[in-house]
Full PDB file with SEQRES, HELIX, SHEET, SSBOND, CRYST1, ORIGX, SCALE, CONECT and MASTER records, all heavy atoms in Angstrom:
SEQRES   1 A   33  SER SER ALA ALA GLN TRP LEU LEU GLU HIS ALA PRO ASP          
SEQRES   2 A   33  TYR GLY PHE VAL VAL ARG TYR PRO ARG GLY LYS GLU SER          
SEQRES   3 A   33  ILE THR GLY TYR MET HIS GLU                                  
HELIX    1 AA1 SER A    2  HIS A   10  1                                   9    
HELIX    2 AA2 ALA A   11  TYR A   14  5                                   4    
HELIX    3 AA3 GLU A   25  THR A   28  1                                   4    
CRYST1    1.000    1.000    1.000  90.00  90.00  90.00 P 1           1          
ORIGX1      1.000000  0.000000  0.000000        0.00000                         
ORIGX2      0.000000  1.000000  0.000000        0.00000                         
ORIGX3      0.000000  0.000000  1.000000        0.00000                         
SCALE1      1.000000  0.000000  0.000000        0.00000                         
SCALE2      0.000000  1.000000  0.000000        0.00000                         
SCALE3      0.000000  0.000000  1.000000        0.00000                         
ATOM      1  N   SER A   1     196.778 -42.518   0.053  1.00  0.00           N  
ATOM      2  CA  SER A   1     195.796 -42.060   1.039  1.00  0.00           C  
ATOM      3  C   SER A   1     195.987 -42.709   2.398  1.00  0.00           C  
ATOM      4  O   SER A   1     195.799 -42.073   3.439  1.00  0.00           O  
ATOM      5  CB  SER A   1     194.376 -42.322   0.534  1.00  0.00           C  
ATOM      6  OG  SER A   1     194.182 -43.713   0.298  1.00  0.00           O  
ATOM      7  N   SER A   2     196.375 -43.960   2.414  1.00  0.00           N  
ATOM      8  CA  SER A   2     196.590 -44.650   3.683  1.00  0.00           C  
ATOM      9  C   SER A   2     197.790 -44.067   4.426  1.00  0.00           C  
ATOM     10  O   SER A   2     197.735 -43.806   5.635  1.00  0.00           O  
ATOM     11  CB  SER A   2     196.818 -46.145   3.437  1.00  0.00           C  
ATOM     12  OG  SER A   2     197.079 -46.821   4.652  1.00  0.00           O  
ATOM     13  N   ALA A   3     198.875 -43.832   3.704  1.00  0.00           N  
ATOM     14  CA  ALA A   3     200.068 -43.237   4.309  1.00  0.00           C  
ATOM     15  C   ALA A   3     199.782 -41.804   4.767  1.00  0.00           C  
ATOM     16  O   ALA A   3     200.249 -41.368   5.828  1.00  0.00           O  
ATOM     17  CB  ALA A   3     201.215 -43.259   3.309  1.00  0.00           C  
ATOM     18  N   ALA A   4     199.002 -41.090   3.937  1.00  0.00           N  
ATOM     19  CA  ALA A   4     198.656 -39.712   4.287  1.00  0.00           C  
ATOM     20  C   ALA A   4     197.847 -39.661   5.584  1.00  0.00           C  
ATOM     21  O   ALA A   4     198.066 -38.789   6.437  1.00  0.00           O  
ATOM     22  CB  ALA A   4     197.860 -39.073   3.153  1.00  0.00           C  
ATOM     23  N   GLN A   5     196.931 -40.599   5.755  1.00  0.00           N  
ATOM     24  CA  GLN A   5     196.128 -40.651   6.969  1.00  0.00           C  
ATOM     25  C   GLN A   5     197.000 -41.002   8.179  1.00  0.00           C  
ATOM     26  O   GLN A   5     196.812 -40.459   9.265  1.00  0.00           O  
ATOM     27  CB  GLN A   5     195.007 -41.684   6.815  1.00  0.00           C  
ATOM     28  CG  GLN A   5     194.011 -41.705   7.966  1.00  0.00           C  
ATOM     29  CD  GLN A   5     193.304 -40.370   8.162  1.00  0.00           C  
ATOM     30  OE1 GLN A   5     192.971 -39.683   7.187  1.00  0.00           O  
ATOM     31  NE2 GLN A   5     193.086 -39.982   9.407  1.00  0.00           N  
ATOM     32  N   TRP A   6     197.960 -41.900   7.963  1.00  0.00           N  
ATOM     33  CA  TRP A   6     198.882 -42.265   9.049  1.00  0.00           C  
ATOM     34  C   TRP A   6     199.650 -41.036   9.527  1.00  0.00           C  
ATOM     35  O   TRP A   6     199.815 -40.824  10.738  1.00  0.00           O  
ATOM     36  CB  TRP A   6     199.857 -43.341   8.567  1.00  0.00           C  
ATOM     37  CG  TRP A   6     200.680 -43.961   9.685  1.00  0.00           C  
ATOM     38  CD1 TRP A   6     200.412 -45.120  10.346  1.00  0.00           C  
ATOM     39  CD2 TRP A   6     201.886 -43.432  10.240  1.00  0.00           C  
ATOM     40  NE1 TRP A   6     201.374 -45.359  11.305  1.00  0.00           N  
ATOM     41  CE2 TRP A   6     202.298 -44.304  11.265  1.00  0.00           C  
ATOM     42  CE3 TRP A   6     202.661 -42.298  10.006  1.00  0.00           C  
ATOM     43  CZ2 TRP A   6     203.443 -44.106  12.029  1.00  0.00           C  
ATOM     44  CZ3 TRP A   6     203.799 -42.079  10.779  1.00  0.00           C  
ATOM     45  CH2 TRP A   6     204.189 -42.976  11.781  1.00  0.00           C  
ATOM     46  N   LEU A   7     200.122 -40.235   8.576  1.00  0.00           N  
ATOM     47  CA  LEU A   7     200.877 -39.035   8.930  1.00  0.00           C  
ATOM     48  C   LEU A   7     200.014 -38.047   9.716  1.00  0.00           C  
ATOM     49  O   LEU A   7     200.474 -37.447  10.690  1.00  0.00           O  
ATOM     50  CB  LEU A   7     201.434 -38.373   7.671  1.00  0.00           C  
ATOM     51  CG  LEU A   7     202.571 -39.135   6.977  1.00  0.00           C  
ATOM     52  CD1 LEU A   7     202.895 -38.509   5.625  1.00  0.00           C  
ATOM     53  CD2 LEU A   7     203.814 -39.161   7.863  1.00  0.00           C  
ATOM     54  N   LEU A   8     198.760 -37.872   9.295  1.00  0.00           N  
ATOM     55  CA  LEU A   8     197.870 -36.968  10.024  1.00  0.00           C  
ATOM     56  C   LEU A   8     197.670 -37.417  11.459  1.00  0.00           C  
ATOM     57  O   LEU A   8     197.642 -36.597  12.396  1.00  0.00           O  
ATOM     58  CB  LEU A   8     196.504 -36.891   9.320  1.00  0.00           C  
ATOM     59  CG  LEU A   8     196.398 -36.010   8.079  1.00  0.00           C  
ATOM     60  CD1 LEU A   8     195.047 -36.212   7.411  1.00  0.00           C  
ATOM     61  CD2 LEU A   8     196.589 -34.535   8.441  1.00  0.00           C  
ATOM     62  N   GLU A   9     197.566 -38.727  11.656  1.00  0.00           N  
ATOM     63  CA  GLU A   9     197.264 -39.257  12.987  1.00  0.00           C  
ATOM     64  C   GLU A   9     198.494 -39.410  13.871  1.00  0.00           C  
ATOM     65  O   GLU A   9     198.417 -39.219  15.093  1.00  0.00           O  
ATOM     66  CB  GLU A   9     196.568 -40.615  12.848  1.00  0.00           C  
ATOM     67  CG  GLU A   9     195.191 -40.520  12.202  1.00  0.00           C  
ATOM     68  CD  GLU A   9     194.560 -41.883  12.003  1.00  0.00           C  
ATOM     69  OE1 GLU A   9     195.193 -42.906  12.390  1.00  0.00           O  
ATOM     70  OE2 GLU A   9     193.442 -41.953  11.449  1.00  0.00           O  
ATOM     71  N   HIS A  10     199.633 -39.772  13.269  1.00  0.00           N  
ATOM     72  CA  HIS A  10     200.792 -40.151  14.089  1.00  0.00           C  
ATOM     73  C   HIS A  10     201.986 -39.198  14.030  1.00  0.00           C  
ATOM     74  O   HIS A  10     202.849 -39.261  14.919  1.00  0.00           O  
ATOM     75  CB  HIS A  10     201.256 -41.555  13.698  1.00  0.00           C  
ATOM     76  CG  HIS A  10     200.207 -42.596  13.917  1.00  0.00           C  
ATOM     77  ND1 HIS A  10     199.808 -43.014  15.173  1.00  0.00           N  
ATOM     78  CD2 HIS A  10     199.464 -43.298  13.021  1.00  0.00           C  
ATOM     79  CE1 HIS A  10     198.864 -43.936  15.059  1.00  0.00           C  
ATOM     80  NE2 HIS A  10     198.629 -44.132  13.761  1.00  0.00           N  
ATOM     81  N   ALA A  11     202.062 -38.324  13.005  1.00  0.00           N  
ATOM     82  CA  ALA A  11     203.195 -37.395  12.935  1.00  0.00           C  
ATOM     83  C   ALA A  11     203.320 -36.552  14.210  1.00  0.00           C  
ATOM     84  O   ALA A  11     204.444 -36.292  14.674  1.00  0.00           O  
ATOM     85  CB  ALA A  11     203.060 -36.491  11.705  1.00  0.00           C  
ATOM     86  N   PRO A  12     202.189 -36.121  14.826  1.00  0.00           N  
ATOM     87  CA  PRO A  12     202.308 -35.337  16.066  1.00  0.00           C  
ATOM     88  C   PRO A  12     203.008 -36.084  17.202  1.00  0.00           C  
ATOM     89  O   PRO A  12     203.605 -35.456  18.083  1.00  0.00           O  
ATOM     90  CB  PRO A  12     200.848 -35.030  16.428  1.00  0.00           C  
ATOM     91  CG  PRO A  12     200.120 -35.078  15.122  1.00  0.00           C  
ATOM     92  CD  PRO A  12     200.796 -36.181  14.362  1.00  0.00           C  
ATOM     93  N   ASP A  13     202.962 -37.424  17.168  1.00  0.00           N  
ATOM     94  CA  ASP A  13     203.650 -38.198  18.211  1.00  0.00           C  
ATOM     95  C   ASP A  13     205.153 -38.004  18.144  1.00  0.00           C  
ATOM     96  O   ASP A  13     205.870 -38.251  19.129  1.00  0.00           O  
ATOM     97  CB  ASP A  13     203.334 -39.693  18.053  1.00  0.00           C  
ATOM     98  CG  ASP A  13     201.858 -39.996  18.247  1.00  0.00           C  
ATOM     99  OD1 ASP A  13     201.179 -39.200  18.936  1.00  0.00           O  
ATOM    100  OD2 ASP A  13     201.385 -41.011  17.690  1.00  0.00           O  
ATOM    101  N   TYR A  14     205.634 -37.558  16.985  1.00  0.00           N  
ATOM    102  CA  TYR A  14     207.063 -37.333  16.782  1.00  0.00           C  
ATOM    103  C   TYR A  14     207.406 -35.834  16.731  1.00  0.00           C  
ATOM    104  O   TYR A  14     208.537 -35.470  16.409  1.00  0.00           O  
ATOM    105  CB  TYR A  14     207.514 -38.021  15.489  1.00  0.00           C  
ATOM    106  CG  TYR A  14     207.302 -39.510  15.526  1.00  0.00           C  
ATOM    107  CD1 TYR A  14     206.073 -40.063  15.161  1.00  0.00           C  
ATOM    108  CD2 TYR A  14     208.309 -40.371  15.947  1.00  0.00           C  
ATOM    109  CE1 TYR A  14     205.861 -41.436  15.205  1.00  0.00           C  
ATOM    110  CE2 TYR A  14     208.111 -41.754  15.998  1.00  0.00           C  
ATOM    111  CZ  TYR A  14     206.870 -42.268  15.636  1.00  0.00           C  
ATOM    112  OH  TYR A  14     206.668 -43.641  15.699  1.00  0.00           O  
ATOM    113  N   GLY A  15     206.404 -35.003  17.041  1.00  0.00           N  
ATOM    114  CA  GLY A  15     206.639 -33.555  17.070  1.00  0.00           C  
ATOM    115  C   GLY A  15     206.360 -32.832  15.768  1.00  0.00           C  
ATOM    116  O   GLY A  15     206.701 -31.648  15.636  1.00  0.00           O  
ATOM    117  N   PHE A  16     205.719 -33.509  14.803  1.00  0.00           N  
ATOM    118  CA  PHE A  16     205.464 -32.917  13.492  1.00  0.00           C  
ATOM    119  C   PHE A  16     203.974 -32.638  13.273  1.00  0.00           C  
ATOM    120  O   PHE A  16     203.113 -33.290  13.865  1.00  0.00           O  
ATOM    121  CB  PHE A  16     205.940 -33.850  12.376  1.00  0.00           C  
ATOM    122  CG  PHE A  16     207.426 -33.991  12.280  1.00  0.00           C  
ATOM    123  CD1 PHE A  16     208.081 -35.022  12.954  1.00  0.00           C  
ATOM    124  CD2 PHE A  16     208.174 -33.102  11.521  1.00  0.00           C  
ATOM    125  CE1 PHE A  16     209.461 -35.162  12.862  1.00  0.00           C  
ATOM    126  CE2 PHE A  16     209.558 -33.237  11.425  1.00  0.00           C  
ATOM    127  CZ  PHE A  16     210.204 -34.275  12.101  1.00  0.00           C  
ATOM    128  N   VAL A  17     203.705 -31.701  12.380  1.00  0.00           N  
ATOM    129  CA  VAL A  17     202.348 -31.485  11.875  1.00  0.00           C  
ATOM    130  C   VAL A  17     202.404 -31.536  10.352  1.00  0.00           C  
ATOM    131  O   VAL A  17     203.449 -31.233   9.747  1.00  0.00           O  
ATOM    132  CB  VAL A  17     201.753 -30.118  12.311  1.00  0.00           C  
ATOM    133  CG1 VAL A  17     201.576 -30.061  13.819  1.00  0.00           C  
ATOM    134  CG2 VAL A  17     202.599 -28.954  11.802  1.00  0.00           C  
ATOM    135  N   VAL A  18     201.300 -31.971   9.743  1.00  0.00           N  
ATOM    136  CA  VAL A  18     201.185 -31.880   8.282  1.00  0.00           C  
ATOM    137  C   VAL A  18     200.927 -30.409   7.990  1.00  0.00           C  
ATOM    138  O   VAL A  18     199.875 -29.874   8.326  1.00  0.00           O  
ATOM    139  CB  VAL A  18     200.049 -32.771   7.756  1.00  0.00           C  
ATOM    140  CG1 VAL A  18     199.881 -32.572   6.251  1.00  0.00           C  
ATOM    141  CG2 VAL A  18     200.324 -34.226   8.089  1.00  0.00           C  
ATOM    142  N   ARG A  19     201.895 -29.755   7.384  1.00  0.00           N  
ATOM    143  CA  ARG A  19     201.890 -28.295   7.287  1.00  0.00           C  
ATOM    144  C   ARG A  19     200.837 -27.738   6.338  1.00  0.00           C  
ATOM    145  O   ARG A  19     200.273 -26.664   6.588  1.00  0.00           O  
ATOM    146  CB  ARG A  19     203.281 -27.816   6.841  1.00  0.00           C  
ATOM    147  CG  ARG A  19     203.415 -26.299   6.728  1.00  0.00           C  
ATOM    148  CD  ARG A  19     203.306 -25.637   8.081  1.00  0.00           C  
ATOM    149  NE  ARG A  19     203.508 -24.196   7.972  1.00  0.00           N  
ATOM    150  CZ  ARG A  19     202.545 -23.311   7.775  1.00  0.00           C  
ATOM    151  NH1 ARG A  19     201.285 -23.706   7.667  1.00  0.00           N  
ATOM    152  NH2 ARG A  19     202.817 -22.024   7.693  1.00  0.00           N  
ATOM    153  N   TYR A  20     200.571 -28.444   5.237  1.00  0.00           N  
ATOM    154  CA  TYR A  20     199.652 -27.921   4.228  1.00  0.00           C  
ATOM    155  C   TYR A  20     198.486 -28.891   4.024  1.00  0.00           C  
ATOM    156  O   TYR A  20     198.437 -29.644   3.043  1.00  0.00           O  
ATOM    157  CB  TYR A  20     200.389 -27.683   2.909  1.00  0.00           C  
ATOM    158  CG  TYR A  20     201.614 -26.794   3.066  1.00  0.00           C  
ATOM    159  CD1 TYR A  20     202.878 -27.249   2.710  1.00  0.00           C  
ATOM    160  CD2 TYR A  20     201.484 -25.520   3.613  1.00  0.00           C  
ATOM    161  CE1 TYR A  20     204.000 -26.436   2.878  1.00  0.00           C  
ATOM    162  CE2 TYR A  20     202.601 -24.703   3.795  1.00  0.00           C  
ATOM    163  CZ  TYR A  20     203.855 -25.170   3.428  1.00  0.00           C  
ATOM    164  OH  TYR A  20     204.950 -24.365   3.599  1.00  0.00           O  
ATOM    165  N   PRO A  21     197.533 -28.887   4.960  1.00  0.00           N  
ATOM    166  CA  PRO A  21     196.411 -29.837   4.878  1.00  0.00           C  
ATOM    167  C   PRO A  21     195.403 -29.482   3.789  1.00  0.00           C  
ATOM    168  O   PRO A  21     195.331 -28.342   3.323  1.00  0.00           O  
ATOM    169  CB  PRO A  21     195.777 -29.738   6.271  1.00  0.00           C  
ATOM    170  CG  PRO A  21     196.110 -28.356   6.726  1.00  0.00           C  
ATOM    171  CD  PRO A  21     197.472 -28.062   6.173  1.00  0.00           C  
ATOM    172  N   ARG A  22     194.632 -30.465   3.422  1.00  0.00           N  
ATOM    173  CA  ARG A  22     193.606 -30.292   2.398  1.00  0.00           C  
ATOM    174  C   ARG A  22     192.522 -29.327   2.910  1.00  0.00           C  
ATOM    175  O   ARG A  22     192.122 -29.373   4.070  1.00  0.00           O  
ATOM    176  CB  ARG A  22     192.989 -31.646   2.059  1.00  0.00           C  
ATOM    177  CG  ARG A  22     192.062 -31.639   0.850  1.00  0.00           C  
ATOM    178  CD  ARG A  22     191.521 -33.050   0.609  1.00  0.00           C  
ATOM    179  NE  ARG A  22     192.590 -33.993   0.305  1.00  0.00           N  
ATOM    180  CZ  ARG A  22     193.062 -34.213  -0.919  1.00  0.00           C  
ATOM    181  NH1 ARG A  22     192.544 -33.552  -1.958  1.00  0.00           N  
ATOM    182  NH2 ARG A  22     194.031 -35.103  -1.127  1.00  0.00           N  
ATOM    183  N   GLY A  23     192.042 -28.456   2.012  1.00  0.00           N  
ATOM    184  CA  GLY A  23     190.977 -27.525   2.367  1.00  0.00           C  
ATOM    185  C   GLY A  23     191.445 -26.237   3.019  1.00  0.00           C  
ATOM    186  O   GLY A  23     190.634 -25.379   3.360  1.00  0.00           O  
ATOM    187  N   LYS A  24     192.758 -26.073   3.194  1.00  0.00           N  
ATOM    188  CA  LYS A  24     193.297 -24.884   3.861  1.00  0.00           C  
ATOM    189  C   LYS A  24     194.188 -24.064   2.932  1.00  0.00           C  
ATOM    190  O   LYS A  24     194.993 -23.242   3.378  1.00  0.00           O  
ATOM    191  CB  LYS A  24     194.111 -25.300   5.092  1.00  0.00           C  
ATOM    192  CG  LYS A  24     193.316 -26.085   6.135  1.00  0.00           C  
ATOM    193  CD  LYS A  24     192.411 -25.177   6.941  1.00  0.00           C  
ATOM    194  CE  LYS A  24     191.785 -25.940   8.110  1.00  0.00           C  
ATOM    195  NZ  LYS A  24     190.993 -25.061   8.994  1.00  0.00           N  
ATOM    196  N   GLU A  25     194.012 -24.263   1.630  1.00  0.00           N  
ATOM    197  CA  GLU A  25     194.905 -23.628   0.656  1.00  0.00           C  
ATOM    198  C   GLU A  25     194.916 -22.106   0.742  1.00  0.00           C  
ATOM    199  O   GLU A  25     195.970 -21.473   0.605  1.00  0.00           O  
ATOM    200  CB  GLU A  25     194.518 -24.065  -0.768  1.00  0.00           C  
ATOM    201  CG  GLU A  25     194.813 -25.516  -1.089  1.00  0.00           C  
ATOM    202  CD  GLU A  25     193.746 -26.496  -0.597  1.00  0.00           C  
ATOM    203  OE1 GLU A  25     192.812 -26.046   0.111  1.00  0.00           O  
ATOM    204  OE2 GLU A  25     193.841 -27.695  -0.908  1.00  0.00           O  
ATOM    205  N   SER A  26     193.749 -21.516   0.973  1.00  0.00           N  
ATOM    206  CA  SER A  26     193.688 -20.046   1.006  1.00  0.00           C  
ATOM    207  C   SER A  26     194.382 -19.482   2.231  1.00  0.00           C  
ATOM    208  O   SER A  26     194.763 -18.306   2.248  1.00  0.00           O  
ATOM    209  CB  SER A  26     192.224 -19.582   0.990  1.00  0.00           C  
ATOM    210  OG  SER A  26     191.544 -19.986   2.165  1.00  0.00           O  
ATOM    211  N   ILE A  27     194.559 -20.313   3.255  1.00  0.00           N  
ATOM    212  CA  ILE A  27     195.196 -19.859   4.491  1.00  0.00           C  
ATOM    213  C   ILE A  27     196.704 -20.073   4.452  1.00  0.00           C  
ATOM    214  O   ILE A  27     197.481 -19.176   4.779  1.00  0.00           O  
ATOM    215  CB  ILE A  27     194.581 -20.580   5.706  1.00  0.00           C  
ATOM    216  CG1 ILE A  27     193.090 -20.266   5.802  1.00  0.00           C  
ATOM    217  CG2 ILE A  27     195.300 -20.185   6.994  1.00  0.00           C  
ATOM    218  CD1 ILE A  27     192.357 -21.067   6.848  1.00  0.00           C  
ATOM    219  N   THR A  28     197.119 -21.261   4.032  1.00  0.00           N  
ATOM    220  CA  THR A  28     198.555 -21.554   3.991  1.00  0.00           C  
ATOM    221  C   THR A  28     199.237 -20.944   2.770  1.00  0.00           C  
ATOM    222  O   THR A  28     200.438 -20.676   2.790  1.00  0.00           O  
ATOM    223  CB  THR A  28     198.801 -23.075   3.967  1.00  0.00           C  
ATOM    224  OG1 THR A  28     198.254 -23.619   2.747  1.00  0.00           O  
ATOM    225  CG2 THR A  28     198.145 -23.747   5.168  1.00  0.00           C  
ATOM    226  N   GLY A  29     198.450 -20.757   1.702  1.00  0.00           N  
ATOM    227  CA  GLY A  29     199.020 -20.198   0.480  1.00  0.00           C  
ATOM    228  C   GLY A  29     199.494 -21.253  -0.503  1.00  0.00           C  
ATOM    229  O   GLY A  29     199.940 -20.913  -1.608  1.00  0.00           O  
ATOM    230  N   TYR A  30     199.385 -22.539  -0.118  1.00  0.00           N  
ATOM    231  CA  TYR A  30     199.856 -23.619  -0.990  1.00  0.00           C  
ATOM    232  C   TYR A  30     198.799 -24.713  -1.125  1.00  0.00           C  
ATOM    233  O   TYR A  30     197.959 -24.898  -0.232  1.00  0.00           O  
ATOM    234  CB  TYR A  30     201.137 -24.247  -0.434  1.00  0.00           C  
ATOM    235  CG  TYR A  30     202.306 -23.294  -0.385  1.00  0.00           C  
ATOM    236  CD1 TYR A  30     202.673 -22.674   0.809  1.00  0.00           C  
ATOM    237  CD2 TYR A  30     203.046 -23.010  -1.531  1.00  0.00           C  
ATOM    238  CE1 TYR A  30     203.747 -21.796   0.867  1.00  0.00           C  
ATOM    239  CE2 TYR A  30     204.120 -22.125  -1.484  1.00  0.00           C  
ATOM    240  CZ  TYR A  30     204.463 -21.519  -0.288  1.00  0.00           C  
ATOM    241  OH  TYR A  30     205.517 -20.639  -0.249  1.00  0.00           O  
ATOM    242  N   MET A  31     198.863 -25.439  -2.237  1.00  0.00           N  
ATOM    243  CA  MET A  31     198.003 -26.601  -2.404  1.00  0.00           C  
ATOM    244  C   MET A  31     198.348 -27.636  -1.326  1.00  0.00           C  
ATOM    245  O   MET A  31     199.444 -27.600  -0.747  1.00  0.00           O  
ATOM    246  CB  MET A  31     198.183 -27.208  -3.791  1.00  0.00           C  
ATOM    247  CG  MET A  31     199.605 -27.650  -4.107  1.00  0.00           C  
ATOM    248  SD  MET A  31     199.796 -28.268  -5.793  1.00  0.00           S  
ATOM    249  CE  MET A  31     198.965 -29.854  -5.629  1.00  0.00           C  
ATOM    250  N   HIS A  32     197.418 -28.545  -1.053  1.00  0.00           N  
ATOM    251  CA  HIS A  32     197.653 -29.514   0.012  1.00  0.00           C  
ATOM    252  C   HIS A  32     198.835 -30.419  -0.343  1.00  0.00           C  
ATOM    253  O   HIS A  32     199.025 -30.805  -1.503  1.00  0.00           O  
ATOM    254  CB  HIS A  32     196.399 -30.353   0.272  1.00  0.00           C  
ATOM    255  CG  HIS A  32     196.001 -31.221  -0.881  1.00  0.00           C  
ATOM    256  ND1 HIS A  32     195.240 -30.753  -1.931  1.00  0.00           N  
ATOM    257  CD2 HIS A  32     196.268 -32.523  -1.154  1.00  0.00           C  
ATOM    258  CE1 HIS A  32     195.044 -31.733  -2.796  1.00  0.00           C  
ATOM    259  NE2 HIS A  32     195.650 -32.813  -2.354  1.00  0.00           N  
ATOM    260  N   GLU A  33     199.621 -30.739   0.675  1.00  0.00           N  
ATOM    261  CA  GLU A  33     200.780 -31.618   0.514  1.00  0.00           C  
ATOM    262  C   GLU A  33     200.785 -32.605   1.678  1.00  0.00           C  
ATOM    263  O   GLU A  33     201.192 -32.259   2.793  1.00  0.00           O  
ATOM    264  CB  GLU A  33     202.086 -30.821   0.478  1.00  0.00           C  
ATOM    265  CG  GLU A  33     202.207 -29.886  -0.725  1.00  0.00           C  
ATOM    266  CD  GLU A  33     203.553 -29.169  -0.785  1.00  0.00           C  
ATOM    267  OE1 GLU A  33     204.350 -29.322   0.172  1.00  0.00           O  
ATOM    268  OE2 GLU A  33     203.809 -28.459  -1.780  1.00  0.00           O  
TER     269      GLU A  33                                                      
MASTER        0    0    0    3    0    0    0    6  268    1    0    3          
END                                                                             
């Protein structure tokens, strides 16, 4: 959970987004990753 939170907050600084966030399964089509 700590690493996951770091990725949510800091991945955009490197040009990335967490592609399959929690609670968005019906939109992305996949379970959260």
